[in-house]
Amino acid sequence: QVRIVESGGGLVQPGGSLRLSCASSGSIFTDFAMGWYRQAPGKQREMVATITSGGITRYSDSVKGRFTISRENGKDTIYLQMSSLKPEDTALYYCNHGGTWGQGTQVTVSS
């Protein structure tokens, strides 16, 4: 049974930083890409950043240059380092691995 656990969300002021973590276990898709997605109230879920098992990354234009996705070698664990956060980054952030979603972790950017 696949289990995905996200952590690291919270409340931060504009311009601040947060680091999200995602650990996936039990998946047969160990070489599949993993990624972070987010959904703000009243909006559709959108891709934030993805990373392949080989370390190839992709970012949405809205976070490029501010967010960095990384992956532990040989593990189904990824991170999202978020810097220069803006109120529009407020959303529930989800981790995905091989089509399985985690429960999400809330990120709120507000003064």
Foldseek 3Di string as FASTA:
>chain_A
DKAKDKDWADEAAQQAKIKMKIAIPDDPQFQAKKFKWWDAPPGDIGGAKIAGLVGDMDGDPVQPPFWDKDDDNPGRMIMIIGGSDDQVVFTFMWMDDPRDIHPTDTHGYHD
